[in-house]
Amino acid sequence: MGIYLNPDNEGFQMAVRSRIYVDKTGLIACTNDLIGTEQNCICVSRPRRFGKSMALKMLAAYYSCGCDSRALFKGFKIEGSADFLKHLNQYEVIYLNMQQFLIRARDQGVTDYLERVILEEMRDVYGELFPASETILAAALEKIYSVTKKKFVILIDEWDCVMRERQNAEDLQKRYLDFLRDLLKDQPYVALAYMTGILPVKKYGEHSALNMFWEYSMTGQHVFEEYTGFTEDEVKALCGRFGMDFAQTGSWYDGYMFRKWKHIYNPESVVAAMTCQNFSNYWTSTEVYDALKIYMDMNFDGLRADIVQMLGGGRVRVNTRSFRNDMRSFTTKDDVLTLLIHLGYLAYDSDRKEAFIPNREIIEEFENAMSTGGWQEVMRVLGASDRLLEDTLSGNGDMVARALDRAHTEIASVLTYNDENSLAAAIGLAYYSARKDYRLVREFPTGRGFADIVFLPLPHTAKPALVVELKYDKTVQAAIQQIKDRNYTQALEGYTGEILLIGVNYDKDNTEKPHSCLIERFGMQKT
C-alpha cells in the first residue's frame, strides 16, 4: 500500500463510519461497465461539496489491489452486481489529488513535481522495470505494462484546480493538459481513468484539449445522474430518521435536475441540516459570496435582466455549447450563466435548455451578492416584499396594486414589460419574501392549462395557497374569471383548505396607476 500507488481503503472506511452515509456504491457498476472500453476515460464534474472526493475514495477502495475491501462493501448495493467480485481489488490504482500537488509544487512545475514523487513511490515496487533516470510517468507505465500486462485505474481528484486557481497561467495550463493527454490518451495500460472537478474538460476554440474523455457535467450527467447528489427517496429516508420536515428540506436544498432524475438535492447541505437539526444556508456559507457577485456584475447585454427573471422564479434560455470550460474566457452572457450552472448556483433543464435558481439556499446567496452595491433597485423591491405579502393575505387589492407599481418603477431599467412572461418575473420578484413559507411555481399545470403563478404553502405554515393569473392590457375581472372557468383550484385540493384567487392586470397606457389587482377568497375542504 502506498500514498499514490495502490492506496488502502481507509478513506472510504471513514465515510462509511460517519453518522450519515448514503449508499452510492451503485456508481461502481457504471464504471465497471466502462473498463476496457473506448469510453474508459471519464470526467465527472460537479459543484464543490457534491461528493466528488468521496466517490474517488470509494473507487480507490474498490479497485486497489493494495487492500482487501470485500468486507467493507458487504451489504451495499454494489455487492449485488454480477461483476462485483470480477473487479474487486484487481487493479493497480494511481490516486492523484491535484489540489495537493498544486500547493506543494510551489516554484516547481506542477507536473514535474507530480511525476517526481509518483515515480519515487513506483520505484519501490517496479524499479527494475524502468530506468532510474526515467522522469516521465507515462513512459514508466508503458514499460511496466509491456512486461507485466497489468492494467491501471487512474483516479484524479480536483483535476481542474489548475484552471480555477491559476487562471492567467496559460503556459502552466498547457503543460498540464499535455501531461494528461500523454498519460491517458490511447494508452494500453489504462483500464479506467476517472477525473473529478467542478469544470468539464478544457476546450481550446471549438475543440477539446482532452478529447479522449467522456464528459459528465451539470449540463448532462447521463448514467451518473443518480450519484450527483441525494435523490428524493434518500432524502425522505433521512428526514424520517432525523425527524425533519421533507417539504422544507426540498424548499431549501432540492432543485437540481437531469433528464431521468428530476429532483437532486445538495448532499452537503442535507447532511448538515440533518446533523444540526436546523434548516440554514450551509453549502454557500463555505465560500464568500464575492465569487458569485463577480459573475453577476459582468457587463454582458441581457445578463442582469436574466438574473432578475430567475430571481422572480422564472427560467432563461441558455446556450451552453460555447463555454470553454474555464473561468476567464467569457464572450457572451451564456458563458457566464453556463459557468454558474457548473458552480451549482444555477440548475439546468437540458430538455428545455433553460437555467433557473434551484432553491432557497441559493436564492439567499444571490441576495447576499446583491446587497453590497450595484443592485439597489432590486434590493428595494425585495425589502418591500414582506408588506406586499401581508396586504395580499388580508385581501387588500388596492395596496397590492400600488406596491406592484412601485416595484415596476424600481426595476424598469433592468426588466422591461413586454408581455405576461416579463410581468410574471416582476411579480415573482415582488413576492420574494413569500418563499420562506411558500414554494413558487411558474406555469403550474392544472389539467386545463397552466396557472401563471401558484404559491404552494409549506405544510408547517398553515397559510392559504395563492393562485395568480396575469393579464396584459385586459382586466383583473378577466383574470379571476379565467381561474374559475378553467377550474385551476382543482389541482390544489391536496394542499390547503383556503385559496386566494389573485388577478393582476397591467395597463401600459395608464401611466399613473398601471397595475390593478383583485383578490377573492375561495374555500376548499382538505382531502
Protein backbone atom coordinates (compact mmCIF):
# COMPACT_ATOMS: atom_id res chain seq x y z
CA MET A 1 0.00 0.00 0.00
CA GLY A 2 1.21 3.46 -0.85
CA ILE A 3 0.21 7.10 -0.80
CA TYR A 4 -0.35 7.40 -4.54
CA LEU A 5 0.12 3.83 -5.80
CA ASN A 6 -2.42 1.32 -4.54
CA PRO A 7 -3.79 3.30 -1.57
CA ASP A 8 -5.66 1.47 1.17
CA ASN A 9 -9.40 1.78 1.86
CA GLU A 10 -9.16 3.99 4.96
CA GLY A 11 -10.70 7.00 3.23
CA PHE A 12 -13.86 5.11 2.31
CA GLN A 13 -13.98 3.45 5.73
CA MET A 14 -14.23 6.91 7.31
CA ALA A 15 -17.18 7.78 5.07
CA VAL A 16 -18.99 4.54 5.92
CA ARG A 17 -18.38 5.02 9.65
CA SER A 18 -19.88 8.52 9.60
CA ARG A 19 -23.19 9.20 11.30
CA ILE A 20 -24.77 9.81 7.90
CA TYR A 21 -23.71 7.70 4.96
CA VAL A 22 -25.92 7.33 1.89
CA ASP A 23 -25.13 4.27 -0.21
CA LYS A 24 -23.82 5.47 -3.58
CA THR A 25 -21.89 2.29 -4.41
CA GLY A 26 -24.14 1.77 -7.45
CA LEU A 27 -21.79 4.21 -9.19
CA ILE A 28 -19.18 1.43 -9.27
CA ALA A 29 -21.41 -0.68 -11.52
CA CYS A 30 -21.37 2.22 -14.01
CA THR A 31 -17.58 2.43 -14.02
CA ASN A 32 -17.25 -1.36 -14.24
CA ASP A 33 -19.25 -1.25 -17.48
CA LEU A 34 -16.69 1.17 -18.94
CA ILE A 35 -13.50 -0.66 -18.01
CA GLY A 36 -11.55 -1.75 -21.07
CA THR A 37 -13.86 0.07 -23.49
CA GLU A 38 -13.30 3.10 -25.70
CA GLN A 39 -15.33 5.09 -23.17
CA ASN A 40 -12.97 4.33 -20.26
CA CYS A 41 -11.75 7.93 -19.79
CA ILE A 42 -14.35 9.77 -17.69
CA CYS A 43 -14.51 13.36 -16.46
CA VAL A 44 -17.26 13.78 -13.86
CA SER A 45 -17.69 17.43 -12.89
CA ARG A 46 -19.97 18.69 -10.12
CA PRO A 47 -20.11 21.72 -7.80
CA ARG A 48 -17.94 21.81 -4.70
CA ARG A 49 -19.13 19.71 -1.78
CA PHE A 50 -21.18 17.42 -4.01
CA GLY A 51 -19.34 14.22 -3.02
CA LYS A 52 -16.64 14.14 -5.70
CA SER A 53 -13.77 13.23 -3.36
CA MET A 54 -15.86 10.65 -1.52
CA ALA A 55 -16.60 8.94 -4.84
CA LEU A 56 -12.85 8.79 -5.59
CA LYS A 57 -12.12 7.24 -2.19
CA MET A 58 -14.84 4.67 -2.82
CA LEU A 59 -13.42 3.78 -6.23
CA ALA A 60 -9.91 3.52 -4.78
CA ALA A 61 -11.15 1.18 -2.05
CA TYR A 62 -12.92 -0.99 -4.61
CA TYR A 63 -10.29 -1.24 -7.35
CA SER A 64 -6.97 -1.02 -5.47
CA CYS A 65 -5.04 -4.27 -5.18
CA GLY A 66 -3.32 -2.72 -2.17
CA CYS A 67 -6.16 -3.74 0.14
CA ASP A 68 -8.95 -6.29 0.69
CA SER A 69 -12.30 -4.47 0.65
CA ARG A 70 -14.80 -7.30 0.35
CA ALA A 71 -15.99 -6.93 3.95
CA LEU A 72 -16.12 -3.14 3.60
CA PHE A 73 -18.67 -3.34 0.74
CA LYS A 74 -20.77 -6.05 2.37
CA GLY A 75 -24.46 -5.12 2.39
CA PHE A 76 -24.09 -2.23 -0.04
CA LYS A 77 -25.75 -2.03 -3.46
CA ILE A 78 -22.66 -2.93 -5.47
CA GLU A 79 -22.43 -6.30 -3.73
CA GLY A 80 -25.48 -7.40 -5.71
CA SER A 81 -23.83 -6.61 -9.06
CA ALA A 82 -22.85 -9.56 -11.25
CA ASP A 83 -19.37 -8.06 -11.75
CA PHE A 84 -18.75 -7.23 -8.08
CA LEU A 85 -16.00 -9.83 -7.49
CA LYS A 86 -14.58 -9.67 -11.02
CA HIS A 87 -13.13 -6.18 -10.48
CA LEU A 88 -12.84 -6.04 -6.67
CA ASN A 89 -9.23 -5.15 -5.70
CA GLN A 90 -7.90 -6.32 -9.06
CA TYR A 91 -6.10 -3.23 -10.39
CA GLU A 92 -3.03 -1.13 -9.86
CA VAL A 93 -4.51 2.19 -8.76
CA ILE A 94 -2.85 5.59 -9.02
CA TYR A 95 -4.65 8.22 -6.93
CA LEU A 96 -3.80 11.88 -7.60
CA ASN A 97 -5.20 14.85 -5.69
CA MET A 98 -4.25 17.78 -7.91
CA GLN A 99 -5.02 20.35 -5.22
CA GLN A 100 -2.22 18.88 -3.10
CA PHE A 101 0.25 18.87 -5.98
CA LEU A 102 -0.61 22.47 -6.89
CA ILE A 103 0.06 23.59 -3.31
CA ARG A 104 3.20 21.54 -2.75
CA ALA A 105 4.88 22.24 -6.08
CA ARG A 106 5.35 25.92 -5.16
CA ASP A 107 8.01 27.27 -7.51
CA GLN A 108 8.47 23.95 -9.27
CA GLY A 109 6.39 22.94 -12.25
CA VAL A 110 3.27 21.15 -11.04
CA THR A 111 3.64 18.23 -13.43
CA ASP A 112 7.40 17.97 -12.84
CA TYR A 113 6.83 17.70 -9.09
CA LEU A 114 3.96 15.24 -9.59
CA GLU A 115 5.96 12.93 -11.83
CA ARG A 116 8.96 13.00 -9.49
CA VAL A 117 7.05 11.97 -6.34
CA ILE A 118 4.91 9.36 -8.12
CA LEU A 119 7.95 7.76 -9.76
CA GLU A 120 9.78 7.68 -6.42
CA GLU A 121 6.96 5.59 -4.99
CA MET A 122 6.65 3.37 -8.08
CA ARG A 123 10.36 2.51 -7.97
CA ASP A 124 9.79 0.72 -4.67
CA VAL A 125 7.54 -1.76 -6.49
CA TYR A 126 8.57 -1.68 -10.17
CA GLY A 127 12.03 -0.11 -10.09
CA GLU A 128 13.62 -2.96 -12.02
CA LEU A 129 11.24 -2.45 -14.95
CA PHE A 130 12.18 1.11 -15.93
CA PRO A 131 15.46 3.05 -15.83
CA ALA A 132 16.44 5.00 -12.72
CA SER A 133 16.89 8.02 -14.98
CA GLU A 134 13.26 7.93 -16.19
CA THR A 135 11.42 11.19 -15.39
CA ILE A 136 8.23 10.72 -17.43
CA LEU A 137 5.39 8.89 -15.70
CA ALA A 138 3.69 7.76 -18.92
CA ALA A 139 6.96 6.23 -20.20
CA ALA A 140 7.44 4.29 -16.96
CA LEU A 141 3.87 2.94 -17.08
CA GLU A 142 4.37 1.86 -20.69
CA LYS A 143 7.44 -0.15 -19.68
CA ILE A 144 5.67 -1.72 -16.69
CA TYR A 145 2.72 -2.74 -18.84
CA SER A 146 4.90 -4.15 -21.61
CA VAL A 147 6.41 -6.61 -19.13
CA THR A 148 3.59 -7.35 -16.67
CA LYS A 149 0.43 -6.58 -18.74
CA LYS A 150 -1.01 -5.10 -15.56
CA LYS A 151 -3.75 -2.54 -16.10
CA PHE A 152 -4.02 0.67 -14.11
CA VAL A 153 -7.03 2.55 -12.76
CA ILE A 154 -6.06 6.22 -12.61
CA LEU A 155 -8.11 8.43 -10.29
CA ILE A 156 -7.61 12.21 -10.41
CA ASP A 157 -9.37 14.46 -7.90
CA GLU A 158 -9.78 18.23 -8.47
CA TRP A 159 -8.40 17.88 -11.99
CA ASP A 160 -9.40 21.47 -12.82
CA CYS A 161 -7.84 23.28 -9.86
CA VAL A 162 -5.02 24.41 -12.16
CA MET A 163 -7.63 26.08 -14.41
CA ARG A 164 -9.50 27.63 -11.48
CA GLU A 165 -6.62 28.79 -9.30
CA ARG A 166 -4.08 29.68 -11.99
CA GLN A 167 -6.47 31.33 -14.40
CA ASN A 168 -3.87 33.55 -16.06
CA ALA A 169 -1.05 30.98 -16.21
CA GLU A 170 -1.67 29.78 -19.75
CA ASP A 171 1.74 28.11 -20.12
CA LEU A 172 1.19 26.15 -16.91
CA GLN A 173 -2.27 25.09 -18.08
CA LYS A 174 -0.96 23.96 -21.45
CA ARG A 175 1.85 21.87 -19.89
CA TYR A 176 -0.66 20.31 -17.53
CA LEU A 177 -3.09 19.41 -20.30
CA ASP A 178 -0.24 17.97 -22.38
CA PHE A 179 0.76 15.86 -19.38
CA LEU A 180 -2.79 14.46 -19.00
CA ARG A 181 -3.06 13.77 -22.73
CA ASP A 182 0.28 11.90 -22.78
CA LEU A 183 -0.59 9.95 -19.64
CA LEU A 184 -4.07 8.82 -20.70
CA LYS A 185 -4.77 9.10 -24.42
CA ASP A 186 -4.69 5.74 -26.27
CA GLN A 187 -2.57 4.14 -23.57
CA PRO A 188 -2.98 0.33 -23.31
CA TYR A 189 -2.16 0.34 -19.59
CA VAL A 190 -5.30 2.39 -18.77
CA ALA A 191 -8.18 0.20 -17.63
CA LEU A 192 -10.11 3.22 -16.38
CA ALA A 193 -9.37 6.92 -15.91
CA TYR A 194 -11.83 8.76 -13.67
CA MET A 195 -11.33 12.51 -13.11
CA THR A 196 -13.42 14.78 -10.92
CA GLY A 197 -13.65 18.55 -10.86
CA ILE A 198 -16.02 21.48 -10.97
CA LEU A 199 -15.37 22.25 -14.64
CA PRO A 200 -15.68 19.83 -17.57
CA VAL A 201 -12.58 19.15 -19.67
CA LYS A 202 -10.86 22.25 -21.05
CA LYS A 203 -11.53 23.39 -24.61
CA TYR A 204 -9.46 25.48 -26.98
CA GLY A 205 -11.74 27.10 -29.53
CA GLU A 206 -14.22 24.51 -30.68
CA HIS A 207 -12.01 21.53 -29.82
CA SER A 208 -11.37 19.73 -26.57
CA ALA A 209 -7.80 19.58 -25.35
CA LEU A 210 -8.64 16.21 -23.77
CA ASN A 211 -10.90 14.70 -26.39
CA MET A 212 -10.38 11.14 -25.11
CA PHE A 213 -12.58 12.00 -22.12
CA TRP A 214 -16.32 11.49 -21.95
CA GLU A 215 -17.85 14.42 -20.08
CA TYR A 216 -20.46 14.02 -17.35
CA SER A 217 -21.26 17.52 -16.12
CA MET A 218 -24.09 19.57 -14.61
CA THR A 219 -25.44 20.09 -18.13
CA GLY A 220 -25.62 16.31 -18.65
CA GLN A 221 -24.66 13.66 -16.07
CA HIS A 222 -26.18 10.79 -18.08
CA VAL A 223 -25.58 7.44 -16.30
CA PHE A 224 -24.22 9.26 -13.24
CA GLU A 225 -27.35 11.35 -12.60
CA GLU A 226 -28.39 9.35 -9.53
CA TYR A 227 -24.95 9.79 -7.98
CA THR A 228 -24.63 13.56 -8.47
CA GLY A 229 -26.43 14.31 -5.19
CA PHE A 230 -29.14 12.82 -2.98
CA THR A 231 -32.38 11.57 -4.55
CA GLU A 232 -35.89 12.16 -3.22
CA ASP A 233 -36.13 8.68 -1.69
CA GLU A 234 -32.76 9.08 0.00
CA VAL A 235 -33.77 12.44 1.47
CA LYS A 236 -37.17 11.12 2.60
CA ALA A 237 -35.39 8.33 4.46
CA LEU A 238 -33.05 10.82 6.14
CA CYS A 239 -35.96 13.11 7.10
CA GLY A 240 -37.76 10.16 8.68
CA ARG A 241 -34.65 9.08 10.55
CA PHE A 242 -33.85 12.56 11.89
CA GLY A 243 -37.39 13.89 12.29
CA MET A 244 -37.00 16.72 9.78
CA ASP A 245 -39.74 18.12 7.52
CA PHE A 246 -39.37 16.75 3.98
CA ALA A 247 -41.14 19.67 2.26
CA GLN A 248 -38.90 22.21 3.97
CA THR A 249 -35.86 20.16 3.08
CA GLY A 250 -36.91 20.30 -0.57
CA SER A 251 -37.54 24.03 -0.44
CA TRP A 252 -34.04 24.61 0.90
CA TYR A 253 -31.90 22.06 -0.96
CA ASP A 254 -33.77 20.47 -3.90
CA GLY A 255 -33.91 21.86 -7.43
CA TYR A 256 -31.07 20.30 -9.41
CA MET A 257 -32.49 18.20 -12.22
CA PHE A 258 -31.49 15.93 -15.07
CA ARG A 259 -33.30 14.01 -17.78
CA LYS A 260 -34.25 10.96 -15.69
CA TRP A 261 -33.77 12.16 -12.12
CA LYS A 262 -35.82 15.36 -11.78
CA HIS A 263 -35.08 16.01 -8.09
CA ILE A 264 -31.47 16.02 -6.96
CA TYR A 265 -30.62 17.54 -3.57
CA ASN A 266 -27.41 19.22 -2.43
CA PRO A 267 -25.83 16.40 -0.37
CA GLU A 268 -23.57 18.60 1.79
CA SER A 269 -26.45 20.81 2.90
CA VAL A 270 -28.86 17.93 3.56
CA VAL A 271 -26.30 16.21 5.79
CA ALA A 272 -25.64 19.48 7.64
CA ALA A 273 -29.36 20.16 8.14
CA MET A 274 -29.98 16.66 9.49
CA THR A 275 -26.95 16.83 11.77
CA CYS A 276 -27.67 20.33 13.11
CA GLN A 277 -31.45 19.80 13.20
CA ASN A 278 -31.91 23.16 11.53
CA PHE A 279 -32.52 24.49 8.02
CA SER A 280 -29.97 27.08 7.02
CA ASN A 281 -27.54 28.13 4.33
CA TYR A 282 -24.76 25.55 4.77
CA TRP A 283 -23.29 24.96 1.31
CA THR A 284 -22.78 28.56 0.28
CA SER A 285 -21.50 29.56 3.74
CA THR A 286 -18.27 27.72 2.96
CA GLU A 287 -17.32 30.32 0.33
CA VAL A 288 -17.66 34.10 0.30
CA TYR A 289 -20.42 35.47 -1.90
CA ASP A 290 -17.93 37.79 -3.64
CA ALA A 291 -17.22 34.93 -6.05
CA LEU A 292 -20.84 34.94 -7.23
CA LYS A 293 -21.02 38.75 -7.34
CA ILE A 294 -18.07 38.96 -9.76
CA TYR A 295 -20.02 37.00 -12.36
CA MET A 296 -23.38 38.68 -11.66
CA ASP A 297 -21.82 42.09 -12.29
CA MET A 298 -20.24 41.22 -15.62
CA ASN A 299 -21.31 43.68 -18.27
CA PHE A 300 -22.93 41.42 -20.84
CA ASP A 301 -26.11 42.66 -22.50
CA GLY A 302 -29.17 40.99 -21.02
CA LEU A 303 -27.36 39.29 -18.11
CA ARG A 304 -28.90 41.47 -15.39
CA ALA A 305 -32.38 41.02 -16.87
CA ASP A 306 -31.89 37.25 -16.92
CA ILE A 307 -30.83 37.25 -13.26
CA VAL A 308 -33.90 39.30 -12.31
CA GLN A 309 -36.06 36.92 -14.34
CA MET A 310 -34.68 33.96 -12.36
CA LEU A 311 -34.96 35.75 -9.02
CA GLY A 312 -38.63 36.15 -9.87
CA GLY A 313 -38.99 32.39 -10.19
CA GLY A 314 -38.57 32.28 -13.97
CA ARG A 315 -36.23 30.48 -16.31
CA VAL A 316 -33.93 31.74 -19.02
CA ARG A 317 -32.77 30.10 -22.22
CA VAL A 318 -29.04 29.27 -22.21
CA ASN A 319 -26.67 28.11 -24.93
CA THR A 320 -24.10 26.05 -23.01
CA ARG A 321 -22.10 24.90 -26.02
CA SER A 322 -19.86 27.96 -26.46
CA PHE A 323 -18.45 27.77 -22.93
CA ARG A 324 -14.71 26.95 -22.98
CA ASN A 325 -14.71 25.31 -19.56
CA ASP A 326 -12.58 27.85 -17.74
CA MET A 327 -13.29 30.86 -15.54
CA ARG A 328 -11.96 33.68 -17.70
CA SER A 329 -12.80 33.10 -21.40
CA PHE A 330 -16.21 34.80 -21.45
CA THR A 331 -17.63 36.24 -24.66
CA THR A 332 -21.40 36.21 -24.01
CA LYS A 333 -23.84 36.14 -21.13
CA ASP A 334 -24.44 32.45 -21.95
CA ASP A 335 -20.83 31.74 -20.96
CA VAL A 336 -21.40 33.34 -17.55
CA LEU A 337 -24.68 31.50 -16.99
CA THR A 338 -23.07 28.20 -18.02
CA LEU A 339 -20.27 28.70 -15.50
CA LEU A 340 -22.87 29.39 -12.78
CA ILE A 341 -24.54 26.08 -13.73
CA HIS A 342 -21.25 24.21 -13.27
CA LEU A 343 -20.57 26.01 -9.99
CA GLY A 344 -24.02 24.98 -8.69
CA TYR A 345 -25.50 28.48 -8.40
CA LEU A 346 -27.95 27.66 -11.19
CA ALA A 347 -29.78 24.47 -12.12
CA TYR A 348 -30.25 23.41 -15.73
CA ASP A 349 -33.10 21.76 -17.60
CA SER A 350 -31.33 20.03 -20.50
CA ASP A 351 -34.60 19.18 -22.28
CA ARG A 352 -35.70 22.80 -22.45
CA LYS A 353 -32.16 24.25 -22.35
CA GLU A 354 -33.15 26.60 -19.54
CA ALA A 355 -31.38 27.75 -16.38
CA PHE A 356 -33.03 28.68 -13.09
CA ILE A 357 -32.22 29.24 -9.40
CA PRO A 358 -32.77 25.85 -7.75
CA ASN A 359 -33.72 26.53 -4.14
CA ARG A 360 -33.92 28.86 -1.15
CA GLU A 361 -30.30 28.28 -0.16
CA ILE A 362 -29.08 29.63 -3.50
CA ILE A 363 -31.65 32.45 -3.59
CA GLU A 364 -30.18 33.73 -0.32
CA GLU A 365 -26.70 33.67 -1.86
CA PHE A 366 -27.91 35.83 -4.76
CA GLU A 367 -29.45 38.22 -2.24
CA ASN A 368 -26.17 38.41 -0.32
CA ALA A 369 -24.26 39.12 -3.52
CA MET A 370 -26.66 41.91 -4.49
CA SER A 371 -26.61 43.55 -1.06
CA THR A 372 -23.15 45.10 -1.46
CA GLY A 373 -23.98 47.52 -4.27
CA GLY A 374 -24.98 47.74 -7.91
CA TRP A 375 -28.40 46.16 -7.38
CA GLN A 376 -30.05 48.80 -5.17
CA GLU A 377 -33.31 48.89 -7.14
CA VAL A 378 -33.78 45.15 -6.90
CA MET A 379 -32.91 45.17 -3.18
CA ARG A 380 -35.60 47.79 -2.53
CA VAL A 381 -38.16 45.55 -4.22
CA LEU A 382 -37.05 42.61 -2.09
CA GLY A 383 -37.20 44.74 1.05
CA ALA A 384 -40.84 45.68 0.35
CA SER A 385 -41.94 42.10 -0.27
CA ASP A 386 -42.95 41.35 3.35
CA ARG A 387 -45.56 44.11 3.33
CA LEU A 388 -46.80 43.06 -0.10
CA LEU A 389 -47.49 39.54 1.17
CA GLU A 390 -49.30 40.90 4.23
CA ASP A 391 -51.55 43.05 2.02
CA THR A 392 -52.21 40.06 -0.23
CA LEU A 393 -53.20 37.77 2.63
CA SER A 394 -55.51 40.46 4.02
CA GLY A 395 -57.18 40.81 0.59
CA ASN A 396 -56.21 44.45 0.01
CA GLY A 397 -56.05 44.58 -3.78
CA ASP A 398 -55.54 48.35 -3.96
CA MET A 399 -52.45 48.22 -1.73
CA VAL A 400 -51.10 45.27 -3.72
CA ALA A 401 -51.55 47.22 -6.98
CA ARG A 402 -49.71 50.23 -5.56
CA ALA A 403 -46.85 48.03 -4.35
CA LEU A 404 -46.57 46.46 -7.80
CA ASP A 405 -46.47 49.95 -9.35
CA ARG A 406 -43.53 50.84 -7.10
CA ALA A 407 -41.76 47.54 -7.81
CA HIS A 408 -42.14 48.06 -11.55
CA THR A 409 -40.72 51.57 -11.30
CA GLU A 410 -37.67 50.25 -9.42
CA ILE A 411 -36.77 47.51 -11.88
CA ALA A 412 -37.91 49.15 -15.14
CA SER A 413 -34.29 49.88 -16.09
CA VAL A 414 -33.42 46.17 -15.79
CA LEU A 415 -36.59 44.34 -16.77
CA THR A 416 -38.94 45.83 -19.35
CA TYR A 417 -42.56 44.70 -19.50
CA ASN A 418 -43.21 43.23 -22.93
CA ASP A 419 -45.77 40.55 -22.18
CA GLU A 420 -47.26 38.42 -19.42
CA ASN A 421 -44.00 36.48 -19.04
CA SER A 422 -41.99 39.57 -18.08
CA LEU A 423 -44.87 40.65 -15.85
CA ALA A 424 -44.70 37.24 -14.14
CA ALA A 425 -40.98 37.73 -13.45
CA ALA A 426 -41.64 41.08 -11.80
CA ILE A 427 -44.50 39.66 -9.73
CA GLY A 428 -42.31 36.76 -8.59
CA LEU A 429 -39.59 39.19 -7.57
CA ALA A 430 -42.04 41.42 -5.72
CA TYR A 431 -43.25 38.41 -3.70
CA TYR A 432 -39.67 37.40 -2.89
CA SER A 433 -40.17 37.01 0.88
CA ALA A 434 -43.12 34.66 0.35
CA ARG A 435 -40.64 31.90 -0.43
CA LYS A 436 -39.92 31.50 3.26
CA ASP A 437 -43.36 29.92 3.62
CA TYR A 438 -44.27 29.03 0.04
CA ARG A 439 -42.97 27.19 -2.97
CA LEU A 440 -43.36 29.35 -6.07
CA VAL A 441 -44.36 27.55 -9.27
CA ARG A 442 -44.49 29.37 -12.59
CA GLU A 443 -46.90 27.92 -15.18
CA PHE A 444 -48.47 25.49 -12.71
CA PRO A 445 -50.19 22.60 -14.58
CA THR A 446 -53.88 22.36 -13.76
CA GLY A 447 -55.29 19.91 -16.27
CA ARG A 448 -56.98 22.68 -18.24
CA GLY A 449 -53.97 24.85 -18.97
CA PHE A 450 -51.39 26.48 -16.74
CA ALA A 451 -51.92 28.97 -13.95
CA ASP A 452 -49.41 31.80 -14.37
CA ILE A 453 -48.06 31.68 -10.81
CA VAL A 454 -49.02 29.49 -7.88
CA PHE A 455 -47.65 29.83 -4.34
CA LEU A 456 -47.94 26.47 -2.60
CA PRO A 457 -47.76 26.79 1.21
CA LEU A 458 -45.24 24.62 3.02
CA PRO A 459 -47.02 22.24 5.43
CA HIS A 460 -45.82 23.93 8.63
CA THR A 461 -47.19 27.38 7.68
CA ALA A 462 -50.99 26.84 7.74
CA LYS A 463 -51.32 29.60 5.16
CA PRO A 464 -53.61 29.69 2.12
CA ALA A 465 -52.41 28.84 -1.36
CA LEU A 466 -52.19 31.71 -3.82
CA VAL A 467 -53.26 31.38 -7.46
CA VAL A 468 -52.14 34.37 -9.51
CA GLU A 469 -53.41 34.99 -13.03
CA LEU A 470 -51.83 37.80 -15.03
CA LYS A 471 -53.25 39.91 -17.82
CA TYR A 472 -51.60 42.46 -20.05
CA ASP A 473 -53.87 45.30 -21.24
CA LYS A 474 -57.04 43.47 -20.20
CA THR A 475 -58.90 43.43 -16.86
CA VAL A 476 -58.50 41.88 -13.42
CA GLN A 477 -62.06 40.55 -13.73
CA ALA A 478 -60.96 38.60 -16.82
CA ALA A 479 -58.04 37.17 -14.87
CA ILE A 480 -60.24 35.97 -11.99
CA GLN A 481 -62.82 34.57 -14.39
CA GLN A 482 -60.16 32.54 -16.19
CA ILE A 483 -59.14 30.92 -12.90
CA LYS A 484 -62.75 29.95 -12.29
CA ASP A 485 -63.63 28.91 -15.83
CA ARG A 486 -60.62 26.64 -16.13
CA ASN A 487 -61.06 25.35 -12.58
CA TYR A 488 -57.41 25.93 -11.67
CA THR A 489 -58.18 25.41 -7.98
CA GLN A 490 -59.00 21.75 -8.51
CA ALA A 491 -55.31 20.99 -8.92
CA LEU A 492 -54.69 22.28 -5.37
CA GLU A 493 -57.08 20.09 -3.43
CA GLY A 494 -54.29 18.27 -1.63
CA TYR A 495 -52.53 21.43 -0.46
CA THR A 496 -54.79 23.67 1.60
CA GLY A 497 -58.27 24.43 2.88
CA GLU A 498 -58.31 28.00 1.58
CA ILE A 499 -57.10 29.52 -1.67
CA LEU A 500 -56.72 33.16 -2.64
CA LEU A 501 -57.52 33.93 -6.26
CA ILE A 502 -55.43 36.90 -7.35
CA GLY A 503 -56.00 38.69 -10.66
CA VAL A 504 -53.39 41.21 -11.78
CA ASN A 505 -53.61 43.38 -14.89
CA TYR A 506 -51.03 45.74 -16.35
CA ASP A 507 -52.33 48.66 -18.44
CA LYS A 508 -49.40 50.09 -20.35
CA ASP A 509 -51.35 53.24 -21.25
CA ASN A 510 -52.16 54.12 -17.63
CA THR A 511 -49.01 55.97 -16.58
CA GLU A 512 -50.26 56.88 -13.08
CA LYS A 513 -51.61 53.54 -11.95
CA PRO A 514 -50.67 50.82 -14.46
CA HIS A 515 -51.32 47.84 -12.19
CA SER A 516 -54.69 46.75 -10.87
CA CYS A 517 -55.40 43.82 -8.57
CA LEU A 518 -58.49 41.88 -7.48
CA ILE A 519 -58.35 39.26 -4.69
CA GLU A 520 -61.07 36.71 -3.92
CA ARG A 521 -61.16 34.01 -1.28
CA PHE A 522 -62.01 30.51 -2.35
CA GLY A 523 -62.85 27.96 0.34
CA MET A 524 -61.96 24.31 -0.17
CA GLN A 525 -62.20 21.36 2.17
CA LYS A 526 -58.98 19.45 2.76
CA THR A 527 -58.97 15.94 1.35
